[in-house]
Amino acid sequence: MDLEHLKTDDNGLLPVVAQDAVSGRILMVAWANRQALVETLNSGRAFFFSRSRNSLWKKGESSGNILSVQEVWIDCDADTVIYRVHPQGPSCHTGQPTCFFTRLDGRKEAYEYAPGNVLQALDDVFEDRASKEPKASYVSELLSKPEKVRGKIMEEAEELCVALESESKERVISEFADLLFHALVASKGRRIVSSDVLKELSRRFGISGHAEKELRRNS
C-alpha cells in the first residue's frame, strides 16, 4: 500500500484521532508513523507510535482495551488521520470511556452526554444503576421485574400513538422519549446495548424496506 502521499512532520509522524464508529464520539488522539498505519490496516487493530518510548504500540496491548478499526480516513491535506473504531473497554488510561472529559475551564463532565451520544451515555448509566437496590433506582427496579418493563413499553407505545394522532409536537417528543427509554432498559436485561441496535440500523442503509422485510420473512 502506498502511504508516501501522507504529509508527516519532521519526525515522520502525523496525528491520529480515534473516533467511535457508531456514536461518532472522539475517544483519544495519538501519533502514528507510516509503519503504525500499515500495522493498523493489516491487523484491524489500532497501532500508534509512542514518542516517549520511541516505538510502535498497539492500543490495549497491556490493558486489554483494544480499538478494533473499521475504517481509516485522511483529511483533505493528508496530514491528519482518523481511525473509526469499535472500542473494547475504556479508551482513556484513567478508565474513562474517552480522554475528553474536562472542559478548558477545568470543569469535569461527561463528553459523551453530547446530544449525538445520548444513547451511549444511557448505556453507561444503566450499567451503573443495574448494580443498585431496586428501591434506590427505577432502572434497577425495572430490570428486576421484566414483566413490568414490558408493560411499560406497551403503555408508552399506546401513549405515543395517541400523541401522534391528536397532541402537540412537544407531547409526541416526550412520549417518544419515554418509549425509547423503557425499550433500552428492557434491552439491557438481554445484554443488548444501544450500539448493537445502531449497528443493525447502519446495516440496513441502502436496503429497501420491502426487501428487508422479505429477507426476515424468509429467514
Foldseek 3Di string as FASTA:
>chain_A
DDLVLADEPPVQKFKEWEAALQLRHTADIAIAHPVQVVCCVVPQWHKHADPVVRGIDTQCPPPVFIWRFDDKDADPNNRYIYGHTHTDAARDPVRHNGPPQADPVGDGHDPLVPVSNVQVVVVVVLVVQCPDDVVVDVLVVCLVPVVVLVVQLVVLVVQLVVCVVDNDPVSNVVSVVSNVSSVQSSVVSVVDGPSVVSVVVVVCPPPDPVVVVVVVVVD
